[in-house]
Amino acid sequence: SLVIREKFHLFGYTGIATVLSNIGKALHWQRKYDEALDFNQRALTVRENYDATNHVGIVDNLINIANVLRDQGKYNEAIEFQQRALMIREQYYPSDHVNIANSLNNIATILNKQRKYDEAVEFYQRVLRIYEKCCPSNPVDITNGLINIADVLSKQEKYKEAIEFQQRALTIREEKYSFDHEKIADSLNRIGDIRINQREYNLALDCYQRALRILENCYPSGHVDIAENLQYIGMTLIMQGKYDEASDFCQRALTIYKQYYPSGHTNLATCLNSIGNIFGIQEKYDEALDFYYQALAFYKKDSSNHSNTTTYLNNIAEVFKRQRKYDKVLDFQQQALTVLKSNLPNDQFKIASNLKNIGGTLFKQTKYHESLDSYQQALIIFKEYYSHDHVEIADCLYWIAANFNKNSQFDLAIEYLERCLLIKEANLPSRSLSIANVLNCLSQVQRTRGQHQLSLIYEQNCLLMRLEALSPDHEDIGHSLSNIGEIYEKLHKSMLALDYYQQALDIYRKCLSPWHDDRWKMELNIERLSEELGIELDWSD
């Protein structure tokens, strides 16, 4: 069709652009992104040169190109094309038109993928306001708008707000549909997912079970949607530590999946993975590996789903990690990294996360120079592509410092720990235990360098935070008191050291067994210092 139209100009250039666009869409569906991009760009060029007044067609081509770029992970370029489409629509439609909302929604989706959640929420809220104003009688669009906002809020760990939006969506669906409609089950499942993130497992289980009852009324017993809910329940039971019950639900789901997808499917592989997780937690490692390998085999056949391939490679690595078989751990982590770099080069977040995993394994193997290199590569990626992700950046800085410390490069260890501390102090509550842990590390490094006054300051600040955040007889408070005692010994202030050792021992007696190493060590320290100071001990307590 395209060859004939181009040769004879049948139906003019508009027809040629349409055929080019259709071929581009078909190639996009086949995940042949470079070819799809080429045809869509040719279609756009034809329209802009020969059909410039057809703003609808031009917008359609711009959006097609943006969608391909989005799926390639080229988010900045994708947003540029979506914004061009939005600008054209703003020239022809009022600000509250549904087409404006659609363009805003497209931009929000890309921002969401970029983890720019505040901006994504802002765009989704603009979309929702338009839908509520221009389509009040269309609950589907309004519900989707509420769900989109809830999903982003959940990613931001704003779970209370996320549930409010999901509840609003559920209320609308309950008014529109019968009580046993699948859309109501969908809303219940979404609320259940948030409850999981809140670790409110009983409430999550209630949502999933209610959804399951609805789906069992909607569909025959072997329907795939029922299997999905059985799996949700199984995964929740895993988190509650009810492994036998969890296994039963996952096995029921697996039976349905095998019947429904005889040639394999993503859901089937996910279910195999869940069962593998159960065996892994139960330390039945051979069984866990068997299910993980089955899941991995499916994804190796399904060459299009590289993301899940890396997930299962990393799951297998995790089993070997629990067995302390670090050579095998490293092998599977490196396989995962190779898959990411070869097939998902634009998913920089996963690449950086995998580099961190490899760095952690190399650290366990005491290969500190190699571990350092992996963490530094990860840090470069996070700073370049996810500069707002303070958690990941701080974590990289922490482990880079840990490697420098192991290599006796103490000045560099302190430099990176202080950078880590600055980020945490800027982004976390002032008495966060995460900050306390960095202070503790800084204290240890300064002590190793012989800088005992500096070490004391860091450890005292760490103790203050732990006292505010933990119960008074928590083991970590005992550790801080013990550390301060050791520093005072180094400063030749034996009476102060003895006092802190005794405070530490008081806590250890409440939280540790009589034969625990830390308690035994503290008793020896107190006995030794008391003899040096000529103080008679009373062990009657």
Protein backbone atom coordinates (compact mmCIF):
# COMPACT_ATOMS: atom_id res chain seq x y z
CA SER A 1 0.00 0.00 0.00
CA LEU A 2 2.77 2.43 0.96
CA VAL A 3 4.81 1.71 -2.19
CA ILE A 4 1.80 2.27 -4.45
CA ARG A 5 0.75 5.46 -2.69
CA GLU A 6 4.27 6.88 -2.76
CA LYS A 7 4.66 6.03 -6.44
CA PHE A 8 1.33 7.34 -7.69
CA HIS A 9 0.41 9.74 -4.84
CA LEU A 10 -2.95 8.03 -4.48
CA PHE A 11 -5.18 9.99 -2.08
CA GLY A 12 -2.41 12.60 -1.79
CA TYR A 13 0.21 12.97 0.90
CA THR A 14 -2.39 12.58 3.66
CA GLY A 15 -2.85 8.95 2.68
CA ILE A 16 0.90 8.36 2.61
CA ALA A 17 1.25 9.85 6.12
CA THR A 18 -1.58 7.66 7.38
CA VAL A 19 0.01 4.48 6.03
CA LEU A 20 3.42 5.45 7.44
CA SER A 21 1.79 6.09 10.80
CA ASN A 22 -0.06 2.76 10.74
CA ILE A 23 3.16 0.88 9.96
CA GLY A 24 4.86 2.75 12.80
CA LYS A 25 2.12 1.69 15.22
CA ALA A 26 2.37 -1.94 14.13
CA LEU A 27 6.14 -1.94 14.60
CA HIS A 28 5.68 -0.33 18.01
CA TRP A 29 3.38 -3.17 19.06
CA GLN A 30 6.09 -5.59 17.92
CA ARG A 31 8.60 -3.71 20.12
CA LYS A 32 10.67 -2.84 17.05
CA TYR A 33 11.22 0.63 18.42
CA ASP A 34 13.88 2.01 16.10
CA GLU A 35 11.91 1.01 13.00
CA ALA A 36 8.68 2.32 14.54
CA LEU A 37 10.36 5.63 15.29
CA ASP A 38 11.59 5.93 11.72
CA PHE A 39 8.12 5.40 10.19
CA ASN A 40 6.42 7.73 12.67
CA GLN A 41 8.97 10.47 12.03
CA ARG A 42 8.51 10.08 8.27
CA ALA A 43 4.75 10.37 8.79
CA LEU A 44 5.24 13.54 10.85
CA THR A 45 7.53 15.07 8.20
CA VAL A 46 4.97 14.40 5.44
CA ARG A 47 2.17 15.97 7.49
CA GLU A 48 4.18 19.03 8.48
CA ASN A 49 5.30 19.64 4.89
CA TYR A 50 2.14 18.79 2.95
CA ASP A 51 -0.76 18.75 5.44
CA ALA A 52 0.21 21.45 7.92
CA THR A 53 -3.38 22.49 8.65
CA ASN A 54 -4.25 18.98 9.85
CA HIS A 55 -3.45 19.64 13.49
CA VAL A 56 -5.21 16.45 14.61
CA GLY A 57 -2.98 14.30 12.40
CA ILE A 58 0.18 16.14 13.46
CA VAL A 59 -0.71 15.75 17.14
CA ASP A 60 -1.37 12.06 16.56
CA ASN A 61 2.09 11.64 15.00
CA LEU A 62 3.79 13.59 17.80
CA ILE A 63 2.12 11.36 20.40
CA ASN A 64 3.07 8.20 18.50
CA ILE A 65 6.71 9.28 18.46
CA ALA A 66 6.56 10.18 22.15
CA ASN A 67 5.13 6.78 23.02
CA VAL A 68 7.94 4.97 21.23
CA LEU A 69 10.57 7.14 22.94
CA ARG A 70 8.87 6.51 26.29
CA ASP A 71 9.05 2.75 25.79
CA GLN A 72 12.73 3.11 24.85
CA GLY A 73 13.31 4.86 28.16
CA LYS A 74 14.14 8.15 26.41
CA TYR A 75 11.93 10.11 28.73
CA ASN A 76 13.21 13.64 28.19
CA GLU A 77 12.78 13.33 24.42
CA ALA A 78 9.35 11.76 24.91
CA ILE A 79 8.21 14.67 27.06
CA GLU A 80 9.38 17.16 24.41
CA PHE A 81 7.11 15.55 21.80
CA GLN A 82 4.19 15.34 24.25
CA GLN A 83 4.64 19.02 25.10
CA ARG A 84 4.62 19.92 21.39
CA ALA A 85 1.36 18.00 21.07
CA LEU A 86 -0.03 19.82 24.11
CA MET A 87 0.92 23.25 22.70
CA ILE A 88 -0.94 22.52 19.47
CA ARG A 89 -4.02 21.31 21.32
CA GLU A 90 -3.97 24.42 23.52
CA GLN A 91 -4.26 26.52 20.35
CA TYR A 92 -7.42 24.74 19.20
CA TYR A 93 -9.22 23.67 22.38
CA PRO A 94 -10.35 25.42 25.57
CA SER A 95 -8.21 24.80 28.66
CA ASP A 96 -10.73 22.39 30.15
CA HIS A 97 -11.15 20.22 27.05
CA VAL A 98 -10.71 16.46 27.35
CA ASN A 99 -7.95 16.48 24.70
CA ILE A 100 -5.93 18.86 26.88
CA ALA A 101 -6.45 16.42 29.76
CA ASN A 102 -5.21 13.55 27.62
CA SER A 103 -1.99 15.39 26.79
CA LEU A 104 -1.43 16.32 30.43
CA ASN A 105 -2.02 12.69 31.36
CA ASN A 106 0.58 11.54 28.83
CA ILE A 107 3.16 13.91 30.31
CA ALA A 108 2.30 12.80 33.85
CA THR A 109 2.84 9.17 32.89
CA ILE A 110 6.36 9.91 31.68
CA LEU A 111 7.18 11.98 34.77
CA ASN A 112 5.99 9.04 36.85
CA LYS A 113 8.40 6.74 35.01
CA GLN A 114 11.18 9.26 35.66
CA ARG A 115 10.34 9.07 39.38
CA LYS A 116 9.57 12.80 39.34
CA TYR A 117 6.61 12.14 41.54
CA ASP A 118 5.77 15.67 42.70
CA GLU A 119 5.53 16.87 39.10
CA ALA A 120 3.59 13.77 38.09
CA VAL A 121 1.02 14.34 40.83
CA GLU A 122 0.65 17.98 39.79
CA PHE A 123 -0.13 16.98 36.19
CA TYR A 124 -2.47 14.17 37.23
CA GLN A 125 -4.36 16.60 39.47
CA ARG A 126 -4.78 19.02 36.55
CA VAL A 127 -6.16 16.10 34.53
CA LEU A 128 -8.59 15.19 37.29
CA ARG A 129 -9.88 18.77 37.59
CA ILE A 130 -10.61 18.83 33.86
CA TYR A 131 -12.41 15.49 33.96
CA GLU A 132 -14.48 16.57 36.95
CA LYS A 133 -15.43 19.80 35.17
CA CYS A 134 -16.07 18.64 31.61
CA CYS A 135 -17.02 14.98 32.13
CA PRO A 136 -18.93 14.83 35.44
CA SER A 137 -21.20 12.15 33.99
CA ASN A 138 -18.25 9.99 32.90
CA PRO A 139 -17.11 8.21 36.06
CA VAL A 140 -14.56 6.08 34.20
CA ASP A 141 -12.23 9.01 33.43
CA ILE A 142 -12.66 10.48 36.90
CA THR A 143 -11.95 7.12 38.52
CA ASN A 144 -8.83 6.62 36.41
CA GLY A 145 -7.64 10.09 37.38
CA LEU A 146 -8.09 9.29 41.09
CA ILE A 147 -6.29 5.97 40.71
CA ASN A 148 -3.33 7.56 38.89
CA ILE A 149 -2.86 10.10 41.68
CA ALA A 150 -3.16 7.38 44.32
CA ASP A 151 -0.53 5.24 42.60
CA VAL A 152 2.02 8.06 42.59
CA LEU A 153 1.28 9.01 46.20
CA SER A 154 1.84 5.39 47.16
CA LYS A 155 5.25 5.46 45.48
CA GLN A 156 6.01 8.54 47.57
CA GLU A 157 5.02 6.53 50.66
CA LYS A 158 2.14 8.96 51.28
CA TYR A 159 -0.09 6.02 52.02
CA LYS A 160 -2.82 7.81 53.94
CA GLU A 161 -3.42 10.23 51.05
CA ALA A 162 -3.17 7.39 48.53
CA ILE A 163 -5.90 5.44 50.31
CA GLU A 164 -8.15 8.51 50.33
CA PHE A 165 -7.95 8.74 46.53
CA GLN A 166 -8.46 5.00 46.10
CA GLN A 167 -11.46 5.14 48.44
CA ARG A 168 -12.96 7.94 46.35
CA ALA A 169 -12.49 5.78 43.26
CA LEU A 170 -14.09 2.82 45.04
CA THR A 171 -17.09 4.95 46.09
CA ILE A 172 -17.68 6.05 42.49
CA ARG A 173 -17.44 2.48 41.24
CA GLU A 174 -19.83 1.24 43.93
CA GLU A 175 -22.36 3.85 42.79
CA LYS A 176 -21.97 2.93 39.11
CA TYR A 177 -21.69 -0.87 39.25
CA SER A 178 -23.37 -3.73 41.03
CA PHE A 179 -21.81 -4.86 44.33
CA ASP A 180 -20.11 -7.86 42.69
CA HIS A 181 -18.60 -6.12 39.67
CA GLU A 182 -14.95 -6.74 38.72
CA LYS A 183 -14.16 -2.99 38.88
CA ILE A 184 -15.04 -2.99 42.59
CA ALA A 185 -12.69 -5.95 43.05
CA ASP A 186 -9.98 -3.95 41.25
CA SER A 187 -10.38 -1.04 43.68
CA LEU A 188 -10.28 -3.36 46.67
CA ASN A 189 -7.08 -4.92 45.37
CA ARG A 190 -5.51 -1.50 44.92
CA ILE A 191 -6.38 -0.54 48.50
CA GLY A 192 -5.00 -3.89 49.61
CA ASP A 193 -1.70 -3.09 47.87
CA ILE A 194 -1.38 0.14 49.85
CA ARG A 195 -2.19 -1.68 53.09
CA ILE A 196 0.67 -4.05 52.27
CA ASN A 197 3.03 -1.09 51.95
CA GLN A 198 1.77 0.15 55.31
CA ARG A 199 2.43 -3.33 56.73
CA GLU A 200 -1.22 -3.53 57.73
CA TYR A 201 -1.45 -7.12 56.57
CA ASN A 202 -4.78 -7.99 58.17
CA LEU A 203 -6.46 -5.04 56.46
CA ALA A 204 -4.78 -5.97 53.17
CA LEU A 205 -5.94 -9.56 53.54
CA ASP A 206 -9.50 -8.40 54.13
CA CYS A 207 -9.43 -6.34 50.91
CA TYR A 208 -8.00 -9.21 48.86
CA GLN A 209 -10.50 -11.70 50.28
CA ARG A 210 -13.42 -9.39 49.57
CA ALA A 211 -12.15 -8.97 46.02
CA LEU A 212 -11.78 -12.74 45.67
CA ARG A 213 -15.40 -13.32 46.70
CA ILE A 214 -16.54 -10.82 44.07
CA LEU A 215 -14.45 -12.41 41.34
CA GLU A 216 -15.70 -15.88 42.26
CA ASN A 217 -19.23 -14.59 41.66
CA CYS A 218 -18.24 -12.96 38.37
CA TYR A 219 -16.23 -15.75 36.76
CA PRO A 220 -16.04 -19.54 36.54
CA SER A 221 -13.79 -21.23 39.09
CA GLY A 222 -10.77 -21.56 36.80
CA HIS A 223 -10.65 -17.94 35.64
CA VAL A 224 -7.26 -16.25 35.55
CA ASP A 225 -8.43 -13.20 37.56
CA ILE A 226 -9.34 -15.52 40.43
CA ALA A 227 -5.82 -16.96 40.26
CA GLU A 228 -4.33 -13.47 40.56
CA ASN A 229 -6.28 -12.81 43.74
CA LEU A 230 -5.35 -16.18 45.18
CA GLN A 231 -1.76 -15.16 44.58
CA TYR A 232 -2.26 -11.77 46.28
CA ILE A 233 -3.61 -13.55 49.34
CA GLY A 234 -0.71 -15.99 49.27
CA MET A 235 1.84 -13.19 49.12
CA THR A 236 0.16 -11.43 52.06
CA LEU A 237 0.24 -14.62 54.10
CA ILE A 238 3.96 -14.87 53.34
CA MET A 239 4.44 -11.46 54.91
CA GLN A 240 2.49 -12.62 57.96
CA GLY A 241 4.75 -15.62 58.29
CA LYS A 242 1.93 -18.07 57.54
CA TYR A 243 3.94 -20.03 55.03
CA ASP A 244 1.87 -23.22 54.80
CA GLU A 245 -1.33 -21.25 54.14
CA ALA A 246 0.53 -19.02 51.69
CA SER A 247 1.82 -22.05 49.83
CA ASP A 248 -1.71 -23.46 49.55
CA PHE A 249 -3.08 -20.27 47.96
CA CYS A 250 -0.12 -19.93 45.59
CA GLN A 251 -0.40 -23.57 44.55
CA ARG A 252 -4.12 -23.08 43.82
CA ALA A 253 -3.22 -20.08 41.69
CA LEU A 254 -0.47 -22.05 39.96
CA THR A 255 -2.93 -24.83 39.03
CA ILE A 256 -5.20 -22.31 37.31
CA TYR A 257 -2.33 -20.59 35.55
CA LYS A 258 -1.02 -23.88 34.16
CA GLN A 259 -4.46 -24.69 32.75
CA TYR A 260 -5.04 -21.17 31.44
CA TYR A 261 -1.53 -20.64 30.02
CA PRO A 262 -0.22 -24.05 28.86
CA SER A 263 2.60 -22.34 26.96
CA GLY A 264 3.59 -20.17 29.89
CA HIS A 265 2.80 -16.60 30.88
CA THR A 266 4.11 -13.76 33.04
CA ASN A 267 1.53 -14.52 35.74
CA LEU A 268 2.56 -18.17 35.80
CA ALA A 269 6.21 -17.21 36.22
CA THR A 270 5.33 -14.73 38.96
CA CYS A 271 3.44 -17.43 40.82
CA LEU A 272 6.40 -19.80 40.53
CA ASN A 273 8.52 -17.01 41.95
CA SER A 274 6.16 -16.56 44.92
CA ILE A 275 6.36 -20.25 45.76
CA GLY A 276 10.13 -20.01 45.42
CA ASN A 277 10.06 -17.14 47.93
CA ILE A 278 8.19 -19.31 50.43
CA PHE A 279 10.75 -22.10 50.17
CA GLY A 280 13.56 -19.56 50.42
CA ILE A 281 12.19 -18.10 53.64
CA GLN A 282 11.78 -21.62 55.02
CA GLU A 283 15.44 -22.23 54.15
CA LYS A 284 14.45 -24.98 51.71
CA TYR A 285 16.94 -23.68 49.23
CA ASP A 286 16.94 -26.52 46.71
CA GLU A 287 13.14 -26.27 46.35
CA ALA A 288 13.36 -22.49 46.09
CA LEU A 289 15.94 -22.70 43.35
CA ASP A 290 13.83 -25.23 41.45
CA PHE A 291 10.88 -22.81 41.26
CA TYR A 292 13.10 -19.82 40.46
CA TYR A 293 14.74 -21.76 37.63
CA GLN A 294 11.31 -22.66 36.22
CA ALA A 295 10.32 -18.97 36.28
CA LEU A 296 13.62 -17.96 34.72
CA ALA A 297 13.24 -20.55 31.94
CA PHE A 298 9.98 -18.92 30.84
CA TYR A 299 11.52 -15.46 30.66
CA LYS A 300 14.52 -16.70 28.74
CA LYS A 301 12.07 -17.97 26.11
CA ASP A 302 10.10 -14.71 26.24
CA SER A 303 12.88 -12.54 24.88
CA SER A 304 10.76 -9.40 25.13
CA ASN A 305 10.53 -9.32 28.93
CA HIS A 306 14.09 -8.64 29.99
CA SER A 307 13.08 -6.84 33.18
CA ASN A 308 11.62 -9.96 34.75
CA THR A 309 14.58 -12.01 33.55
CA THR A 310 16.84 -9.83 35.70
CA THR A 311 14.43 -10.13 38.63
CA TYR A 312 14.66 -13.90 38.68
CA LEU A 313 18.41 -13.91 38.14
CA ASN A 314 18.68 -11.70 41.22
CA ASN A 315 16.28 -13.95 43.16
CA ILE A 316 18.51 -16.93 42.45
CA ALA A 317 21.48 -14.85 43.54
CA GLU A 318 19.66 -14.06 46.79
CA VAL A 319 19.24 -17.78 47.59
CA PHE A 320 22.94 -18.37 47.09
CA LYS A 321 23.63 -15.30 49.22
CA ARG A 322 21.72 -16.85 52.13
CA GLN A 323 23.89 -19.93 51.67
CA ARG A 324 26.98 -17.68 51.60
CA LYS A 325 27.95 -19.03 48.19
CA TYR A 326 29.24 -15.67 47.06
CA ASP A 327 30.91 -16.83 43.85
CA LYS A 328 27.53 -18.07 42.60
CA VAL A 329 25.83 -14.91 43.88
CA LEU A 330 28.23 -12.79 41.87
CA ASP A 331 27.75 -14.93 38.76
CA PHE A 332 23.97 -14.44 38.70
CA GLN A 333 24.19 -10.75 39.61
CA GLN A 334 26.60 -10.20 36.74
CA GLN A 335 24.29 -12.11 34.40
CA ALA A 336 21.49 -9.75 35.44
CA LEU A 337 23.68 -6.72 34.81
CA THR A 338 24.62 -8.03 31.36
CA VAL A 339 20.94 -8.49 30.45
CA LEU A 340 20.16 -4.95 31.62
CA LYS A 341 23.02 -3.32 29.75
CA SER A 342 22.33 -5.27 26.56
CA ASN A 343 18.55 -5.08 26.45
CA LEU A 344 17.43 -2.28 28.79
CA PRO A 345 20.25 0.26 28.51
CA ASN A 346 17.91 3.15 29.29
CA ASP A 347 16.73 1.67 32.59
CA GLN A 348 19.56 3.32 34.44
CA PHE A 349 17.91 2.85 37.83
CA LYS A 350 17.98 -0.94 37.56
CA ILE A 351 21.51 -0.88 36.19
CA ALA A 352 22.67 1.23 39.13
CA SER A 353 20.79 -0.97 41.61
CA ASN A 354 22.45 -4.07 40.15
CA LEU A 355 25.85 -2.44 40.43
CA LYS A 356 25.08 -1.84 44.10
CA ASN A 357 24.16 -5.50 44.54
CA ILE A 358 27.43 -6.56 42.95
CA GLY A 359 29.31 -4.10 45.15
CA GLY A 360 27.69 -5.63 48.23
CA THR A 361 28.71 -9.14 47.20
CA LEU A 362 32.29 -8.10 46.48
CA PHE A 363 32.38 -6.41 49.89
CA LYS A 364 31.35 -9.73 51.49
CA GLN A 365 34.21 -11.38 49.58
CA THR A 366 36.59 -8.71 50.98
CA LYS A 367 37.33 -7.57 47.42
CA TYR A 368 37.21 -3.96 48.49
CA HIS A 369 38.79 -2.33 45.43
CA GLU A 370 36.32 -4.06 43.11
CA SER A 371 33.43 -3.33 45.45
CA LEU A 372 34.44 0.32 45.51
CA ASP A 373 34.42 0.47 41.73
CA SER A 374 30.88 -0.96 41.53
CA TYR A 375 29.50 1.49 44.08
CA GLN A 376 31.23 4.41 42.37
CA GLN A 377 29.68 3.43 39.04
CA ALA A 378 26.26 3.24 40.70
CA LEU A 379 26.76 6.65 42.33
CA ILE A 380 27.60 8.27 38.99
CA ILE A 381 24.36 6.92 37.49
CA PHE A 382 22.17 7.96 40.43
CA LYS A 383 23.66 11.48 40.47
CA GLU A 384 23.23 11.90 36.71
CA TYR A 385 19.77 10.40 36.22
CA TYR A 386 18.13 10.40 39.68
CA SER A 387 19.67 13.36 41.47
CA HIS A 388 16.49 13.73 43.56
CA ASP A 389 16.78 10.19 44.96
CA HIS A 390 18.64 11.07 48.15
CA VAL A 391 18.18 7.55 49.60
CA GLU A 392 20.10 5.81 46.83
CA ILE A 393 22.80 8.47 46.62
CA ALA A 394 23.35 8.44 50.38
CA ASP A 395 23.50 4.64 50.39
CA CYS A 396 26.19 4.64 47.68
CA LEU A 397 28.21 7.24 49.60
CA TYR A 398 27.94 5.12 52.75
CA TRP A 399 29.26 1.96 51.09
CA ILE A 400 32.00 3.83 49.24
CA ALA A 401 33.10 5.10 52.65
CA ALA A 402 32.94 1.55 54.04
CA ASN A 403 35.29 0.35 51.29
CA PHE A 404 37.72 3.23 51.84
CA ASN A 405 37.69 2.37 55.55
CA LYS A 406 38.52 -1.29 54.81
CA ASN A 407 41.36 -0.09 52.55
CA SER A 408 42.66 2.08 55.43
CA GLN A 409 41.96 5.24 53.42
CA PHE A 410 40.43 6.90 56.44
CA ASP A 411 40.41 10.51 55.18
CA LEU A 412 38.38 9.46 52.13
CA ALA A 413 36.09 7.34 54.31
CA ILE A 414 35.35 10.37 56.47
CA GLU A 415 34.82 12.59 53.42
CA TYR A 416 32.18 10.26 51.97
CA LEU A 417 30.51 9.64 55.33
CA GLU A 418 30.21 13.39 55.89
CA ARG A 419 28.64 13.79 52.43
CA CYS A 420 26.25 10.97 53.30
CA LEU A 421 25.45 12.66 56.61
CA LEU A 422 24.69 16.00 54.94
CA ILE A 423 22.20 14.37 52.57
CA LYS A 424 20.47 12.43 55.34
CA GLU A 425 20.27 15.48 57.62
CA ALA A 426 18.73 17.51 54.77
CA ASN A 427 16.11 14.91 53.89
CA LEU A 428 15.28 12.91 57.02
CA PRO A 429 13.74 13.78 60.40
CA SER A 430 16.32 15.32 62.73
CA ARG A 431 16.36 12.30 65.06
CA SER A 432 16.34 9.57 62.42
CA LEU A 433 18.13 6.36 63.34
CA SER A 434 19.63 6.36 59.86
CA ILE A 435 21.46 9.57 60.76
CA ALA A 436 22.49 8.02 64.09
CA ASN A 437 24.07 5.07 62.28
CA VAL A 438 26.19 7.38 60.10
CA LEU A 439 27.33 9.25 63.20
CA ASN A 440 28.30 5.91 64.74
CA CYS A 441 30.38 5.05 61.65
CA LEU A 442 32.09 8.44 61.71
CA SER A 443 32.92 7.85 65.37
CA GLN A 444 34.46 4.47 64.58
CA VAL A 445 36.62 5.81 61.75
CA GLN A 446 37.83 8.76 63.85
CA ARG A 447 38.66 6.34 66.68
CA THR A 448 40.69 4.23 64.24
CA ARG A 449 42.59 7.39 63.23
CA GLY A 450 43.27 8.15 66.90
CA GLN A 451 41.05 11.25 66.82
CA HIS A 452 39.31 10.38 70.07
CA GLN A 453 37.80 13.81 70.83
CA LEU A 454 36.10 13.90 67.43
CA SER A 455 35.06 10.29 67.87
CA LEU A 456 33.48 11.18 71.22
CA ILE A 457 31.43 14.02 69.73
CA TYR A 458 30.01 11.82 66.99
CA GLU A 459 29.20 8.98 69.40
CA GLN A 460 27.54 11.29 71.93
CA ASN A 461 25.28 12.71 69.20
CA CYS A 462 24.52 9.17 68.08
CA LEU A 463 23.56 8.25 71.67
CA LEU A 464 21.23 11.25 71.98
CA MET A 465 19.36 10.22 68.85
CA ARG A 466 19.10 6.61 69.93
CA LEU A 467 17.79 7.66 73.35
CA GLU A 468 15.01 9.63 71.65
CA ALA A 469 14.10 7.00 69.09
CA LEU A 470 14.55 3.68 70.93
CA SER A 471 13.26 2.07 74.09
CA PRO A 472 15.53 2.81 77.11
CA ASP A 473 16.80 -0.77 77.33
CA HIS A 474 17.52 -1.24 73.61
CA GLU A 475 20.74 -3.03 72.71
CA ASP A 476 21.94 -0.19 70.44
CA ILE A 477 21.84 2.26 73.36
CA GLY A 478 24.04 -0.18 75.23
CA HIS A 479 26.45 -0.23 72.30
CA SER A 480 26.69 3.58 72.24
CA LEU A 481 27.35 3.68 75.99
CA SER A 482 30.01 0.99 75.56
CA ASN A 483 31.64 2.92 72.70
CA ILE A 484 31.74 6.12 74.75
CA GLY A 485 33.32 4.17 77.60
CA GLU A 486 36.04 2.90 75.25
CA ILE A 487 36.74 6.43 73.99
CA TYR A 488 37.07 7.75 77.54
CA GLU A 489 39.55 4.95 78.22
CA LYS A 490 41.61 6.11 75.23
CA LEU A 491 41.44 9.64 76.64
CA HIS A 492 42.72 8.28 79.99
CA LYS A 493 39.51 9.20 81.82
CA SER A 494 39.03 5.89 83.56
CA MET A 495 36.31 6.91 86.02
CA LEU A 496 34.11 8.21 83.20
CA ALA A 497 34.86 5.08 81.19
CA LEU A 498 33.83 2.87 84.11
CA ASP A 499 30.59 4.79 84.56
CA TYR A 500 29.60 4.31 80.91
CA TYR A 501 30.58 0.64 80.99
CA GLN A 502 28.31 0.14 83.99
CA GLN A 503 25.44 1.91 82.23
CA ALA A 504 25.99 -0.30 79.20
CA LEU A 505 26.04 -3.44 81.35
CA ASP A 506 22.75 -2.42 83.00
CA ILE A 507 21.12 -2.39 79.57
CA TYR A 508 22.82 -5.58 78.38
CA ARG A 509 21.52 -7.40 81.44
CA LYS A 510 17.98 -6.49 80.37
CA CYS A 511 18.23 -7.35 76.68
CA LEU A 512 21.04 -9.91 76.25
CA SER A 513 21.50 -13.45 77.50
CA PRO A 514 24.07 -14.00 80.29
CA TRP A 515 26.47 -15.72 77.86
CA HIS A 516 26.30 -13.07 75.11
CA ASP A 517 29.74 -11.82 73.99
CA ASP A 518 28.92 -8.11 74.48
CA ARG A 519 27.68 -8.69 78.03
CA TRP A 520 30.68 -10.86 78.88
CA LYS A 521 33.08 -8.28 77.39
CA MET A 522 31.47 -5.48 79.41
CA GLU A 523 31.80 -7.41 82.67
CA LEU A 524 35.50 -7.95 81.93
CA ASN A 525 36.00 -4.24 81.15
CA ILE A 526 34.36 -3.23 84.42
CA GLU A 527 36.36 -5.78 86.40
CA ARG A 528 39.63 -4.67 84.80
CA LEU A 529 39.05 -0.93 85.30
CA SER A 530 37.83 -1.42 88.88
CA GLU A 531 41.04 -3.26 89.75
CA GLU A 532 43.12 -0.48 88.14
CA LEU A 533 41.20 2.17 90.12
CA GLY A 534 41.19 0.15 93.34
CA ILE A 535 37.41 0.00 93.45
CA GLU A 536 35.72 -3.02 95.02
CA LEU A 537 32.89 -4.41 92.90
CA ASP A 538 29.52 -5.54 94.15
CA TRP A 539 28.12 -8.19 91.76
CA SER A 540 25.16 -8.99 93.99
CA ASP A 541 22.74 -7.63 91.37
